[in-house]
Amino acid sequence: HVLKDVTLRVAPREVVVVVGPSGSG
């Protein structure tokens, strides 16, 4: 189960950086 209940919103022109340990999805 590699993605669990993921809710994410990205606005126009927004820069979202996703970080986390290896294997976090």
PDBML (XML) file of the C-alpha atoms, coordinates in Angstrom:
<?xml version="1.0" encoding="UTF-8" ?>
<PDBx:datablock datablockName="MODEL"
   xmlns:PDBx="http://pdbml.pdb.org/schema/pdbx-v50.xsd"
   xmlns:xsi="http://www.w3.org/2001/XMLSchema-instance"
   xsi:schemaLocation="http://pdbml.pdb.org/schema/pdbx-v50.xsd pdbx-v50.xsd">
   <PDBx:atom_siteCategory>
      <PDBx:atom_site id="1">
         <PDBx:B_iso_or_equiv>0.00</PDBx:B_iso_or_equiv>
         <PDBx:Cartn_x>0.000</PDBx:Cartn_x>
         <PDBx:Cartn_y>0.000</PDBx:Cartn_y>
         <PDBx:Cartn_z>0.000</PDBx:Cartn_z>
         <PDBx:auth_asym_id>A</PDBx:auth_asym_id>
         <PDBx:auth_atom_id>CA</PDBx:auth_atom_id>
         <PDBx:auth_comp_id>HIS</PDBx:auth_comp_id>
         <PDBx:auth_seq_id>1</PDBx:auth_seq_id>
         <PDBx:group_PDB>ATOM</PDBx:group_PDB>
         <PDBx:label_alt_id xsi:nil="true" />
         <PDBx:label_asym_id>A</PDBx:label_asym_id>
         <PDBx:label_atom_id>CA</PDBx:label_atom_id>
         <PDBx:label_comp_id>HIS</PDBx:label_comp_id>
         <PDBx:label_entity_id>1</PDBx:label_entity_id>
         <PDBx:label_seq_id>1</PDBx:label_seq_id>
         <PDBx:occupancy>1.00</PDBx:occupancy>
         <PDBx:pdbx_PDB_model_num>1</PDBx:pdbx_PDB_model_num>
         <PDBx:type_symbol>C</PDBx:type_symbol>
      </PDBx:atom_site>
      <PDBx:atom_site id="2">
         <PDBx:B_iso_or_equiv>0.00</PDBx:B_iso_or_equiv>
         <PDBx:Cartn_x>2.225</PDBx:Cartn_x>
         <PDBx:Cartn_y>2.791</PDBx:Cartn_y>
         <PDBx:Cartn_z>-1.318</PDBx:Cartn_z>
         <PDBx:auth_asym_id>A</PDBx:auth_asym_id>
         <PDBx:auth_atom_id>CA</PDBx:auth_atom_id>
         <PDBx:auth_comp_id>VAL</PDBx:auth_comp_id>
         <PDBx:auth_seq_id>2</PDBx:auth_seq_id>
         <PDBx:group_PDB>ATOM</PDBx:group_PDB>
         <PDBx:label_alt_id xsi:nil="true" />
         <PDBx:label_asym_id>A</PDBx:label_asym_id>
         <PDBx:label_atom_id>CA</PDBx:label_atom_id>
         <PDBx:label_comp_id>VAL</PDBx:label_comp_id>
         <PDBx:label_entity_id>1</PDBx:label_entity_id>
         <PDBx:label_seq_id>2</PDBx:label_seq_id>
         <PDBx:occupancy>1.00</PDBx:occupancy>
         <PDBx:pdbx_PDB_model_num>1</PDBx:pdbx_PDB_model_num>
         <PDBx:type_symbol>C</PDBx:type_symbol>
      </PDBx:atom_site>
      <PDBx:atom_site id="3">
         <PDBx:B_iso_or_equiv>0.00</PDBx:B_iso_or_equiv>
         <PDBx:Cartn_x>-0.103</PDBx:Cartn_x>
         <PDBx:Cartn_y>5.828</PDBx:Cartn_y>
         <PDBx:Cartn_z>-1.217</PDBx:Cartn_z>
         <PDBx:auth_asym_id>A</PDBx:auth_asym_id>
         <PDBx:auth_atom_id>CA</PDBx:auth_atom_id>
         <PDBx:auth_comp_id>LEU</PDBx:auth_comp_id>
         <PDBx:auth_seq_id>3</PDBx:auth_seq_id>
         <PDBx:group_PDB>ATOM</PDBx:group_PDB>
         <PDBx:label_alt_id xsi:nil="true" />
         <PDBx:label_asym_id>A</PDBx:label_asym_id>
         <PDBx:label_atom_id>CA</PDBx:label_atom_id>
         <PDBx:label_comp_id>LEU</PDBx:label_comp_id>
         <PDBx:label_entity_id>1</PDBx:label_entity_id>
         <PDBx:label_seq_id>3</PDBx:label_seq_id>
         <PDBx:occupancy>1.00</PDBx:occupancy>
         <PDBx:pdbx_PDB_model_num>1</PDBx:pdbx_PDB_model_num>
         <PDBx:type_symbol>C</PDBx:type_symbol>
      </PDBx:atom_site>
      <PDBx:atom_site id="4">
         <PDBx:B_iso_or_equiv>0.00</PDBx:B_iso_or_equiv>
         <PDBx:Cartn_x>-2.459</PDBx:Cartn_x>
         <PDBx:Cartn_y>6.109</PDBx:Cartn_y>
         <PDBx:Cartn_z>1.762</PDBx:Cartn_z>
         <PDBx:auth_asym_id>A</PDBx:auth_asym_id>
         <PDBx:auth_atom_id>CA</PDBx:auth_atom_id>
         <PDBx:auth_comp_id>LYS</PDBx:auth_comp_id>
         <PDBx:auth_seq_id>4</PDBx:auth_seq_id>
         <PDBx:group_PDB>ATOM</PDBx:group_PDB>
         <PDBx:label_alt_id xsi:nil="true" />
         <PDBx:label_asym_id>A</PDBx:label_asym_id>
         <PDBx:label_atom_id>CA</PDBx:label_atom_id>
         <PDBx:label_comp_id>LYS</PDBx:label_comp_id>
         <PDBx:label_entity_id>1</PDBx:label_entity_id>
         <PDBx:label_seq_id>4</PDBx:label_seq_id>
         <PDBx:occupancy>1.00</PDBx:occupancy>
         <PDBx:pdbx_PDB_model_num>1</PDBx:pdbx_PDB_model_num>
         <PDBx:type_symbol>C</PDBx:type_symbol>
      </PDBx:atom_site>
      <PDBx:atom_site id="5">
         <PDBx:B_iso_or_equiv>0.00</PDBx:B_iso_or_equiv>
         <PDBx:Cartn_x>-5.275</PDBx:Cartn_x>
         <PDBx:Cartn_y>8.675</PDBx:Cartn_y>
         <PDBx:Cartn_z>1.913</PDBx:Cartn_z>
         <PDBx:auth_asym_id>A</PDBx:auth_asym_id>
         <PDBx:auth_atom_id>CA</PDBx:auth_atom_id>
         <PDBx:auth_comp_id>ASP</PDBx:auth_comp_id>
         <PDBx:auth_seq_id>5</PDBx:auth_seq_id>
         <PDBx:group_PDB>ATOM</PDBx:group_PDB>
         <PDBx:label_alt_id xsi:nil="true" />
         <PDBx:label_asym_id>A</PDBx:label_asym_id>
         <PDBx:label_atom_id>CA</PDBx:label_atom_id>
         <PDBx:label_comp_id>ASP</PDBx:label_comp_id>
         <PDBx:label_entity_id>1</PDBx:label_entity_id>
         <PDBx:label_seq_id>5</PDBx:label_seq_id>
         <PDBx:occupancy>1.00</PDBx:occupancy>
         <PDBx:pdbx_PDB_model_num>1</PDBx:pdbx_PDB_model_num>
         <PDBx:type_symbol>C</PDBx:type_symbol>
      </PDBx:atom_site>
      <PDBx:atom_site id="6">
         <PDBx:B_iso_or_equiv>0.00</PDBx:B_iso_or_equiv>
         <PDBx:Cartn_x>-3.265</PDBx:Cartn_x>
         <PDBx:Cartn_y>11.290</PDBx:Cartn_y>
         <PDBx:Cartn_z>0.017</PDBx:Cartn_z>
         <PDBx:auth_asym_id>A</PDBx:auth_asym_id>
         <PDBx:auth_atom_id>CA</PDBx:auth_atom_id>
         <PDBx:auth_comp_id>VAL</PDBx:auth_comp_id>
         <PDBx:auth_seq_id>6</PDBx:auth_seq_id>
         <PDBx:group_PDB>ATOM</PDBx:group_PDB>
         <PDBx:label_alt_id xsi:nil="true" />
         <PDBx:label_asym_id>A</PDBx:label_asym_id>
         <PDBx:label_atom_id>CA</PDBx:label_atom_id>
         <PDBx:label_comp_id>VAL</PDBx:label_comp_id>
         <PDBx:label_entity_id>1</PDBx:label_entity_id>
         <PDBx:label_seq_id>6</PDBx:label_seq_id>
         <PDBx:occupancy>1.00</PDBx:occupancy>
         <PDBx:pdbx_PDB_model_num>1</PDBx:pdbx_PDB_model_num>
         <PDBx:type_symbol>C</PDBx:type_symbol>
      </PDBx:atom_site>
      <PDBx:atom_site id="7">
         <PDBx:B_iso_or_equiv>0.00</PDBx:B_iso_or_equiv>
         <PDBx:Cartn_x>-5.056</PDBx:Cartn_x>
         <PDBx:Cartn_y>14.626</PDBx:Cartn_y>
         <PDBx:Cartn_z>-0.359</PDBx:Cartn_z>
         <PDBx:auth_asym_id>A</PDBx:auth_asym_id>
         <PDBx:auth_atom_id>CA</PDBx:auth_atom_id>
         <PDBx:auth_comp_id>THR</PDBx:auth_comp_id>
         <PDBx:auth_seq_id>7</PDBx:auth_seq_id>
         <PDBx:group_PDB>ATOM</PDBx:group_PDB>
         <PDBx:label_alt_id xsi:nil="true" />
         <PDBx:label_asym_id>A</PDBx:label_asym_id>
         <PDBx:label_atom_id>CA</PDBx:label_atom_id>
         <PDBx:label_comp_id>THR</PDBx:label_comp_id>
         <PDBx:label_entity_id>1</PDBx:label_entity_id>
         <PDBx:label_seq_id>7</PDBx:label_seq_id>
         <PDBx:occupancy>1.00</PDBx:occupancy>
         <PDBx:pdbx_PDB_model_num>1</PDBx:pdbx_PDB_model_num>
         <PDBx:type_symbol>C</PDBx:type_symbol>
      </PDBx:atom_site>
      <PDBx:atom_site id="8">
         <PDBx:B_iso_or_equiv>0.00</PDBx:B_iso_or_equiv>
         <PDBx:Cartn_x>-3.068</PDBx:Cartn_x>
         <PDBx:Cartn_y>17.463</PDBx:Cartn_y>
         <PDBx:Cartn_z>-1.907</PDBx:Cartn_z>
         <PDBx:auth_asym_id>A</PDBx:auth_asym_id>
         <PDBx:auth_atom_id>CA</PDBx:auth_atom_id>
         <PDBx:auth_comp_id>LEU</PDBx:auth_comp_id>
         <PDBx:auth_seq_id>8</PDBx:auth_seq_id>
         <PDBx:group_PDB>ATOM</PDBx:group_PDB>
         <PDBx:label_alt_id xsi:nil="true" />
         <PDBx:label_asym_id>A</PDBx:label_asym_id>
         <PDBx:label_atom_id>CA</PDBx:label_atom_id>
         <PDBx:label_comp_id>LEU</PDBx:label_comp_id>
         <PDBx:label_entity_id>1</PDBx:label_entity_id>
         <PDBx:label_seq_id>8</PDBx:label_seq_id>
         <PDBx:occupancy>1.00</PDBx:occupancy>
         <PDBx:pdbx_PDB_model_num>1</PDBx:pdbx_PDB_model_num>
         <PDBx:type_symbol>C</PDBx:type_symbol>
      </PDBx:atom_site>
      <PDBx:atom_site id="9">
         <PDBx:B_iso_or_equiv>0.00</PDBx:B_iso_or_equiv>
         <PDBx:Cartn_x>-3.975</PDBx:Cartn_x>
         <PDBx:Cartn_y>20.659</PDBx:Cartn_y>
         <PDBx:Cartn_z>-3.718</PDBx:Cartn_z>
         <PDBx:auth_asym_id>A</PDBx:auth_asym_id>
         <PDBx:auth_atom_id>CA</PDBx:auth_atom_id>
         <PDBx:auth_comp_id>ARG</PDBx:auth_comp_id>
         <PDBx:auth_seq_id>9</PDBx:auth_seq_id>
         <PDBx:group_PDB>ATOM</PDBx:group_PDB>
         <PDBx:label_alt_id xsi:nil="true" />
         <PDBx:label_asym_id>A</PDBx:label_asym_id>
         <PDBx:label_atom_id>CA</PDBx:label_atom_id>
         <PDBx:label_comp_id>ARG</PDBx:label_comp_id>
         <PDBx:label_entity_id>1</PDBx:label_entity_id>
         <PDBx:label_seq_id>9</PDBx:label_seq_id>
         <PDBx:occupancy>1.00</PDBx:occupancy>
         <PDBx:pdbx_PDB_model_num>1</PDBx:pdbx_PDB_model_num>
         <PDBx:type_symbol>C</PDBx:type_symbol>
      </PDBx:atom_site>
      <PDBx:atom_site id="10">
         <PDBx:B_iso_or_equiv>0.00</PDBx:B_iso_or_equiv>
         <PDBx:Cartn_x>-1.591</PDBx:Cartn_x>
         <PDBx:Cartn_y>22.711</PDBx:Cartn_y>
         <PDBx:Cartn_z>-5.833</PDBx:Cartn_z>
         <PDBx:auth_asym_id>A</PDBx:auth_asym_id>
         <PDBx:auth_atom_id>CA</PDBx:auth_atom_id>
         <PDBx:auth_comp_id>VAL</PDBx:auth_comp_id>
         <PDBx:auth_seq_id>10</PDBx:auth_seq_id>
         <PDBx:group_PDB>ATOM</PDBx:group_PDB>
         <PDBx:label_alt_id xsi:nil="true" />
         <PDBx:label_asym_id>A</PDBx:label_asym_id>
         <PDBx:label_atom_id>CA</PDBx:label_atom_id>
         <PDBx:label_comp_id>VAL</PDBx:label_comp_id>
         <PDBx:label_entity_id>1</PDBx:label_entity_id>
         <PDBx:label_seq_id>10</PDBx:label_seq_id>
         <PDBx:occupancy>1.00</PDBx:occupancy>
         <PDBx:pdbx_PDB_model_num>1</PDBx:pdbx_PDB_model_num>
         <PDBx:type_symbol>C</PDBx:type_symbol>
      </PDBx:atom_site>
      <PDBx:atom_site id="11">
         <PDBx:B_iso_or_equiv>0.00</PDBx:B_iso_or_equiv>
         <PDBx:Cartn_x>-2.618</PDBx:Cartn_x>
         <PDBx:Cartn_y>26.208</PDBx:Cartn_y>
         <PDBx:Cartn_z>-6.894</PDBx:Cartn_z>
         <PDBx:auth_asym_id>A</PDBx:auth_asym_id>
         <PDBx:auth_atom_id>CA</PDBx:auth_atom_id>
         <PDBx:auth_comp_id>ALA</PDBx:auth_comp_id>
         <PDBx:auth_seq_id>11</PDBx:auth_seq_id>
         <PDBx:group_PDB>ATOM</PDBx:group_PDB>
         <PDBx:label_alt_id xsi:nil="true" />
         <PDBx:label_asym_id>A</PDBx:label_asym_id>
         <PDBx:label_atom_id>CA</PDBx:label_atom_id>
         <PDBx:label_comp_id>ALA</PDBx:label_comp_id>
         <PDBx:label_entity_id>1</PDBx:label_entity_id>
         <PDBx:label_seq_id>11</PDBx:label_seq_id>
         <PDBx:occupancy>1.00</PDBx:occupancy>
         <PDBx:pdbx_PDB_model_num>1</PDBx:pdbx_PDB_model_num>
         <PDBx:type_symbol>C</PDBx:type_symbol>
      </PDBx:atom_site>
      <PDBx:atom_site id="12">
         <PDBx:B_iso_or_equiv>0.00</PDBx:B_iso_or_equiv>
         <PDBx:Cartn_x>-1.764</PDBx:Cartn_x>
         <PDBx:Cartn_y>27.726</PDBx:Cartn_y>
         <PDBx:Cartn_z>-10.291</PDBx:Cartn_z>
         <PDBx:auth_asym_id>A</PDBx:auth_asym_id>
         <PDBx:auth_atom_id>CA</PDBx:auth_atom_id>
         <PDBx:auth_comp_id>PRO</PDBx:auth_comp_id>
         <PDBx:auth_seq_id>12</PDBx:auth_seq_id>
         <PDBx:group_PDB>ATOM</PDBx:group_PDB>
         <PDBx:label_alt_id xsi:nil="true" />
         <PDBx:label_asym_id>A</PDBx:label_asym_id>
         <PDBx:label_atom_id>CA</PDBx:label_atom_id>
         <PDBx:label_comp_id>PRO</PDBx:label_comp_id>
         <PDBx:label_entity_id>1</PDBx:label_entity_id>
         <PDBx:label_seq_id>12</PDBx:label_seq_id>
         <PDBx:occupancy>1.00</PDBx:occupancy>
         <PDBx:pdbx_PDB_model_num>1</PDBx:pdbx_PDB_model_num>
         <PDBx:type_symbol>C</PDBx:type_symbol>
      </PDBx:atom_site>
      <PDBx:atom_site id="13">
         <PDBx:B_iso_or_equiv>0.00</PDBx:B_iso_or_equiv>
         <PDBx:Cartn_x>1.821</PDBx:Cartn_x>
         <PDBx:Cartn_y>29.077</PDBx:Cartn_y>
         <PDBx:Cartn_z>-10.302</PDBx:Cartn_z>
         <PDBx:auth_asym_id>A</PDBx:auth_asym_id>
         <PDBx:auth_atom_id>CA</PDBx:auth_atom_id>
         <PDBx:auth_comp_id>ARG</PDBx:auth_comp_id>
         <PDBx:auth_seq_id>13</PDBx:auth_seq_id>
         <PDBx:group_PDB>ATOM</PDBx:group_PDB>
         <PDBx:label_alt_id xsi:nil="true" />
         <PDBx:label_asym_id>A</PDBx:label_asym_id>
         <PDBx:label_atom_id>CA</PDBx:label_atom_id>
         <PDBx:label_comp_id>ARG</PDBx:label_comp_id>
         <PDBx:label_entity_id>1</PDBx:label_entity_id>
         <PDBx:label_seq_id>13</PDBx:label_seq_id>
         <PDBx:occupancy>1.00</PDBx:occupancy>
         <PDBx:pdbx_PDB_model_num>1</PDBx:pdbx_PDB_model_num>
         <PDBx:type_symbol>C</PDBx:type_symbol>
      </PDBx:atom_site>
      <PDBx:atom_site id="14">
         <PDBx:B_iso_or_equiv>0.00</PDBx:B_iso_or_equiv>
         <PDBx:Cartn_x>2.623</PDBx:Cartn_x>
         <PDBx:Cartn_y>27.289</PDBx:Cartn_y>
         <PDBx:Cartn_z>-7.034</PDBx:Cartn_z>
         <PDBx:auth_asym_id>A</PDBx:auth_asym_id>
         <PDBx:auth_atom_id>CA</PDBx:auth_atom_id>
         <PDBx:auth_comp_id>GLU</PDBx:auth_comp_id>
         <PDBx:auth_seq_id>14</PDBx:auth_seq_id>
         <PDBx:group_PDB>ATOM</PDBx:group_PDB>
         <PDBx:label_alt_id xsi:nil="true" />
         <PDBx:label_asym_id>A</PDBx:label_asym_id>
         <PDBx:label_atom_id>CA</PDBx:label_atom_id>
         <PDBx:label_comp_id>GLU</PDBx:label_comp_id>
         <PDBx:label_entity_id>1</PDBx:label_entity_id>
         <PDBx:label_seq_id>14</PDBx:label_seq_id>
         <PDBx:occupancy>1.00</PDBx:occupancy>
         <PDBx:pdbx_PDB_model_num>1</PDBx:pdbx_PDB_model_num>
         <PDBx:type_symbol>C</PDBx:type_symbol>
      </PDBx:atom_site>
      <PDBx:atom_site id="15">
         <PDBx:B_iso_or_equiv>0.00</PDBx:B_iso_or_equiv>
         <PDBx:Cartn_x>5.866</PDBx:Cartn_x>
         <PDBx:Cartn_y>25.330</PDBx:Cartn_y>
         <PDBx:Cartn_z>-6.554</PDBx:Cartn_z>
         <PDBx:auth_asym_id>A</PDBx:auth_asym_id>
         <PDBx:auth_atom_id>CA</PDBx:auth_atom_id>
         <PDBx:auth_comp_id>VAL</PDBx:auth_comp_id>
         <PDBx:auth_seq_id>15</PDBx:auth_seq_id>
         <PDBx:group_PDB>ATOM</PDBx:group_PDB>
         <PDBx:label_alt_id xsi:nil="true" />
         <PDBx:label_asym_id>A</PDBx:label_asym_id>
         <PDBx:label_atom_id>CA</PDBx:label_atom_id>
         <PDBx:label_comp_id>VAL</PDBx:label_comp_id>
         <PDBx:label_entity_id>1</PDBx:label_entity_id>
         <PDBx:label_seq_id>15</PDBx:label_seq_id>
         <PDBx:occupancy>1.00</PDBx:occupancy>
         <PDBx:pdbx_PDB_model_num>1</PDBx:pdbx_PDB_model_num>
         <PDBx:type_symbol>C</PDBx:type_symbol>
      </PDBx:atom_site>
      <PDBx:atom_site id="16">
         <PDBx:B_iso_or_equiv>0.00</PDBx:B_iso_or_equiv>
         <PDBx:Cartn_x>5.418</PDBx:Cartn_x>
         <PDBx:Cartn_y>22.320</PDBx:Cartn_y>
         <PDBx:Cartn_z>-4.279</PDBx:Cartn_z>
         <PDBx:auth_asym_id>A</PDBx:auth_asym_id>
         <PDBx:auth_atom_id>CA</PDBx:auth_atom_id>
         <PDBx:auth_comp_id>VAL</PDBx:auth_comp_id>
         <PDBx:auth_seq_id>16</PDBx:auth_seq_id>
         <PDBx:group_PDB>ATOM</PDBx:group_PDB>
         <PDBx:label_alt_id xsi:nil="true" />
         <PDBx:label_asym_id>A</PDBx:label_asym_id>
         <PDBx:label_atom_id>CA</PDBx:label_atom_id>
         <PDBx:label_comp_id>VAL</PDBx:label_comp_id>
         <PDBx:label_entity_id>1</PDBx:label_entity_id>
         <PDBx:label_seq_id>16</PDBx:label_seq_id>
         <PDBx:occupancy>1.00</PDBx:occupancy>
         <PDBx:pdbx_PDB_model_num>1</PDBx:pdbx_PDB_model_num>
         <PDBx:type_symbol>C</PDBx:type_symbol>
      </PDBx:atom_site>
      <PDBx:atom_site id="17">
         <PDBx:B_iso_or_equiv>0.00</PDBx:B_iso_or_equiv>
         <PDBx:Cartn_x>8.500</PDBx:Cartn_x>
         <PDBx:Cartn_y>20.336</PDBx:Cartn_y>
         <PDBx:Cartn_z>-3.298</PDBx:Cartn_z>
         <PDBx:auth_asym_id>A</PDBx:auth_asym_id>
         <PDBx:auth_atom_id>CA</PDBx:auth_atom_id>
         <PDBx:auth_comp_id>VAL</PDBx:auth_comp_id>
         <PDBx:auth_seq_id>17</PDBx:auth_seq_id>
         <PDBx:group_PDB>ATOM</PDBx:group_PDB>
         <PDBx:label_alt_id xsi:nil="true" />
         <PDBx:label_asym_id>A</PDBx:label_asym_id>
         <PDBx:label_atom_id>CA</PDBx:label_atom_id>
         <PDBx:label_comp_id>VAL</PDBx:label_comp_id>
         <PDBx:label_entity_id>1</PDBx:label_entity_id>
         <PDBx:label_seq_id>17</PDBx:label_seq_id>
         <PDBx:occupancy>1.00</PDBx:occupancy>
         <PDBx:pdbx_PDB_model_num>1</PDBx:pdbx_PDB_model_num>
         <PDBx:type_symbol>C</PDBx:type_symbol>
      </PDBx:atom_site>
      <PDBx:atom_site id="18">
         <PDBx:B_iso_or_equiv>0.00</PDBx:B_iso_or_equiv>
         <PDBx:Cartn_x>7.889</PDBx:Cartn_x>
         <PDBx:Cartn_y>16.793</PDBx:Cartn_y>
         <PDBx:Cartn_z>-2.028</PDBx:Cartn_z>
         <PDBx:auth_asym_id>A</PDBx:auth_asym_id>
         <PDBx:auth_atom_id>CA</PDBx:auth_atom_id>
         <PDBx:auth_comp_id>VAL</PDBx:auth_comp_id>
         <PDBx:auth_seq_id>18</PDBx:auth_seq_id>
         <PDBx:group_PDB>ATOM</PDBx:group_PDB>
         <PDBx:label_alt_id xsi:nil="true" />
         <PDBx:label_asym_id>A</PDBx:label_asym_id>
         <PDBx:label_atom_id>CA</PDBx:label_atom_id>
         <PDBx:label_comp_id>VAL</PDBx:label_comp_id>
         <PDBx:label_entity_id>1</PDBx:label_entity_id>
         <PDBx:label_seq_id>18</PDBx:label_seq_id>
         <PDBx:occupancy>1.00</PDBx:occupancy>
         <PDBx:pdbx_PDB_model_num>1</PDBx:pdbx_PDB_model_num>
         <PDBx:type_symbol>C</PDBx:type_symbol>
      </PDBx:atom_site>
      <PDBx:atom_site id="19">
         <PDBx:B_iso_or_equiv>0.00</PDBx:B_iso_or_equiv>
         <PDBx:Cartn_x>10.501</PDBx:Cartn_x>
         <PDBx:Cartn_y>15.376</PDBx:Cartn_y>
         <PDBx:Cartn_z>0.332</PDBx:Cartn_z>
         <PDBx:auth_asym_id>A</PDBx:auth_asym_id>
         <PDBx:auth_atom_id>CA</PDBx:auth_atom_id>
         <PDBx:auth_comp_id>VAL</PDBx:auth_comp_id>
         <PDBx:auth_seq_id>19</PDBx:auth_seq_id>
         <PDBx:group_PDB>ATOM</PDBx:group_PDB>
         <PDBx:label_alt_id xsi:nil="true" />
         <PDBx:label_asym_id>A</PDBx:label_asym_id>
         <PDBx:label_atom_id>CA</PDBx:label_atom_id>
         <PDBx:label_comp_id>VAL</PDBx:label_comp_id>
         <PDBx:label_entity_id>1</PDBx:label_entity_id>
         <PDBx:label_seq_id>19</PDBx:label_seq_id>
         <PDBx:occupancy>1.00</PDBx:occupancy>
         <PDBx:pdbx_PDB_model_num>1</PDBx:pdbx_PDB_model_num>
         <PDBx:type_symbol>C</PDBx:type_symbol>
      </PDBx:atom_site>
      <PDBx:atom_site id="20">
         <PDBx:B_iso_or_equiv>0.00</PDBx:B_iso_or_equiv>
         <PDBx:Cartn_x>10.822</PDBx:Cartn_x>
         <PDBx:Cartn_y>12.314</PDBx:Cartn_y>
         <PDBx:Cartn_z>2.512</PDBx:Cartn_z>
         <PDBx:auth_asym_id>A</PDBx:auth_asym_id>
         <PDBx:auth_atom_id>CA</PDBx:auth_atom_id>
         <PDBx:auth_comp_id>GLY</PDBx:auth_comp_id>
         <PDBx:auth_seq_id>20</PDBx:auth_seq_id>
         <PDBx:group_PDB>ATOM</PDBx:group_PDB>
         <PDBx:label_alt_id xsi:nil="true" />
         <PDBx:label_asym_id>A</PDBx:label_asym_id>
         <PDBx:label_atom_id>CA</PDBx:label_atom_id>
         <PDBx:label_comp_id>GLY</PDBx:label_comp_id>
         <PDBx:label_entity_id>1</PDBx:label_entity_id>
         <PDBx:label_seq_id>20</PDBx:label_seq_id>
         <PDBx:occupancy>1.00</PDBx:occupancy>
         <PDBx:pdbx_PDB_model_num>1</PDBx:pdbx_PDB_model_num>
         <PDBx:type_symbol>C</PDBx:type_symbol>
      </PDBx:atom_site>
      <PDBx:atom_site id="21">
         <PDBx:B_iso_or_equiv>0.00</PDBx:B_iso_or_equiv>
         <PDBx:Cartn_x>12.787</PDBx:Cartn_x>
         <PDBx:Cartn_y>9.094</PDBx:Cartn_y>
         <PDBx:Cartn_z>2.978</PDBx:Cartn_z>
         <PDBx:auth_asym_id>A</PDBx:auth_asym_id>
         <PDBx:auth_atom_id>CA</PDBx:auth_atom_id>
         <PDBx:auth_comp_id>PRO</PDBx:auth_comp_id>
         <PDBx:auth_seq_id>21</PDBx:auth_seq_id>
         <PDBx:group_PDB>ATOM</PDBx:group_PDB>
         <PDBx:label_alt_id xsi:nil="true" />
         <PDBx:label_asym_id>A</PDBx:label_asym_id>
         <PDBx:label_atom_id>CA</PDBx:label_atom_id>
         <PDBx:label_comp_id>PRO</PDBx:label_comp_id>
         <PDBx:label_entity_id>1</PDBx:label_entity_id>
         <PDBx:label_seq_id>21</PDBx:label_seq_id>
         <PDBx:occupancy>1.00</PDBx:occupancy>
         <PDBx:pdbx_PDB_model_num>1</PDBx:pdbx_PDB_model_num>
         <PDBx:type_symbol>C</PDBx:type_symbol>
      </PDBx:atom_site>
      <PDBx:atom_site id="22">
         <PDBx:B_iso_or_equiv>0.00</PDBx:B_iso_or_equiv>
         <PDBx:Cartn_x>13.259</PDBx:Cartn_x>
         <PDBx:Cartn_y>6.579</PDBx:Cartn_y>
         <PDBx:Cartn_z>0.170</PDBx:Cartn_z>
         <PDBx:auth_asym_id>A</PDBx:auth_asym_id>
         <PDBx:auth_atom_id>CA</PDBx:auth_atom_id>
         <PDBx:auth_comp_id>SER</PDBx:auth_comp_id>
         <PDBx:auth_seq_id>22</PDBx:auth_seq_id>
         <PDBx:group_PDB>ATOM</PDBx:group_PDB>
         <PDBx:label_alt_id xsi:nil="true" />
         <PDBx:label_asym_id>A</PDBx:label_asym_id>
         <PDBx:label_atom_id>CA</PDBx:label_atom_id>
         <PDBx:label_comp_id>SER</PDBx:label_comp_id>
         <PDBx:label_entity_id>1</PDBx:label_entity_id>
         <PDBx:label_seq_id>22</PDBx:label_seq_id>
         <PDBx:occupancy>1.00</PDBx:occupancy>
         <PDBx:pdbx_PDB_model_num>1</PDBx:pdbx_PDB_model_num>
         <PDBx:type_symbol>C</PDBx:type_symbol>
      </PDBx:atom_site>
      <PDBx:atom_site id="23">
         <PDBx:B_iso_or_equiv>0.00</PDBx:B_iso_or_equiv>
         <PDBx:Cartn_x>10.199</PDBx:Cartn_x>
         <PDBx:Cartn_y>4.397</PDBx:Cartn_y>
         <PDBx:Cartn_z>-0.269</PDBx:Cartn_z>
         <PDBx:auth_asym_id>A</PDBx:auth_asym_id>
         <PDBx:auth_atom_id>CA</PDBx:auth_atom_id>
         <PDBx:auth_comp_id>GLY</PDBx:auth_comp_id>
         <PDBx:auth_seq_id>23</PDBx:auth_seq_id>
         <PDBx:group_PDB>ATOM</PDBx:group_PDB>
         <PDBx:label_alt_id xsi:nil="true" />
         <PDBx:label_asym_id>A</PDBx:label_asym_id>
         <PDBx:label_atom_id>CA</PDBx:label_atom_id>
         <PDBx:label_comp_id>GLY</PDBx:label_comp_id>
         <PDBx:label_entity_id>1</PDBx:label_entity_id>
         <PDBx:label_seq_id>23</PDBx:label_seq_id>
         <PDBx:occupancy>1.00</PDBx:occupancy>
         <PDBx:pdbx_PDB_model_num>1</PDBx:pdbx_PDB_model_num>
         <PDBx:type_symbol>C</PDBx:type_symbol>
      </PDBx:atom_site>
      <PDBx:atom_site id="24">
         <PDBx:B_iso_or_equiv>0.00</PDBx:B_iso_or_equiv>
         <PDBx:Cartn_x>7.820</PDBx:Cartn_x>
         <PDBx:Cartn_y>6.982</PDBx:Cartn_y>
         <PDBx:Cartn_z>1.173</PDBx:Cartn_z>
         <PDBx:auth_asym_id>A</PDBx:auth_asym_id>
         <PDBx:auth_atom_id>CA</PDBx:auth_atom_id>
         <PDBx:auth_comp_id>SER</PDBx:auth_comp_id>
         <PDBx:auth_seq_id>24</PDBx:auth_seq_id>
         <PDBx:group_PDB>ATOM</PDBx:group_PDB>
         <PDBx:label_alt_id xsi:nil="true" />
         <PDBx:label_asym_id>A</PDBx:label_asym_id>
         <PDBx:label_atom_id>CA</PDBx:label_atom_id>
         <PDBx:label_comp_id>SER</PDBx:label_comp_id>
         <PDBx:label_entity_id>1</PDBx:label_entity_id>
         <PDBx:label_seq_id>24</PDBx:label_seq_id>
         <PDBx:occupancy>1.00</PDBx:occupancy>
         <PDBx:pdbx_PDB_model_num>1</PDBx:pdbx_PDB_model_num>
         <PDBx:type_symbol>C</PDBx:type_symbol>
      </PDBx:atom_site>
      <PDBx:atom_site id="25">
         <PDBx:B_iso_or_equiv>0.00</PDBx:B_iso_or_equiv>
         <PDBx:Cartn_x>5.716</PDBx:Cartn_x>
         <PDBx:Cartn_y>7.169</PDBx:Cartn_y>
         <PDBx:Cartn_z>-2.018</PDBx:Cartn_z>
         <PDBx:auth_asym_id>A</PDBx:auth_asym_id>
         <PDBx:auth_atom_id>CA</PDBx:auth_atom_id>
         <PDBx:auth_comp_id>GLY</PDBx:auth_comp_id>
         <PDBx:auth_seq_id>25</PDBx:auth_seq_id>
         <PDBx:group_PDB>ATOM</PDBx:group_PDB>
         <PDBx:label_alt_id xsi:nil="true" />
         <PDBx:label_asym_id>A</PDBx:label_asym_id>
         <PDBx:label_atom_id>CA</PDBx:label_atom_id>
         <PDBx:label_comp_id>GLY</PDBx:label_comp_id>
         <PDBx:label_entity_id>1</PDBx:label_entity_id>
         <PDBx:label_seq_id>25</PDBx:label_seq_id>
         <PDBx:occupancy>1.00</PDBx:occupancy>
         <PDBx:pdbx_PDB_model_num>1</PDBx:pdbx_PDB_model_num>
         <PDBx:type_symbol>C</PDBx:type_symbol>
      </PDBx:atom_site>
   </PDBx:atom_siteCategory>
</PDBx:datablock>
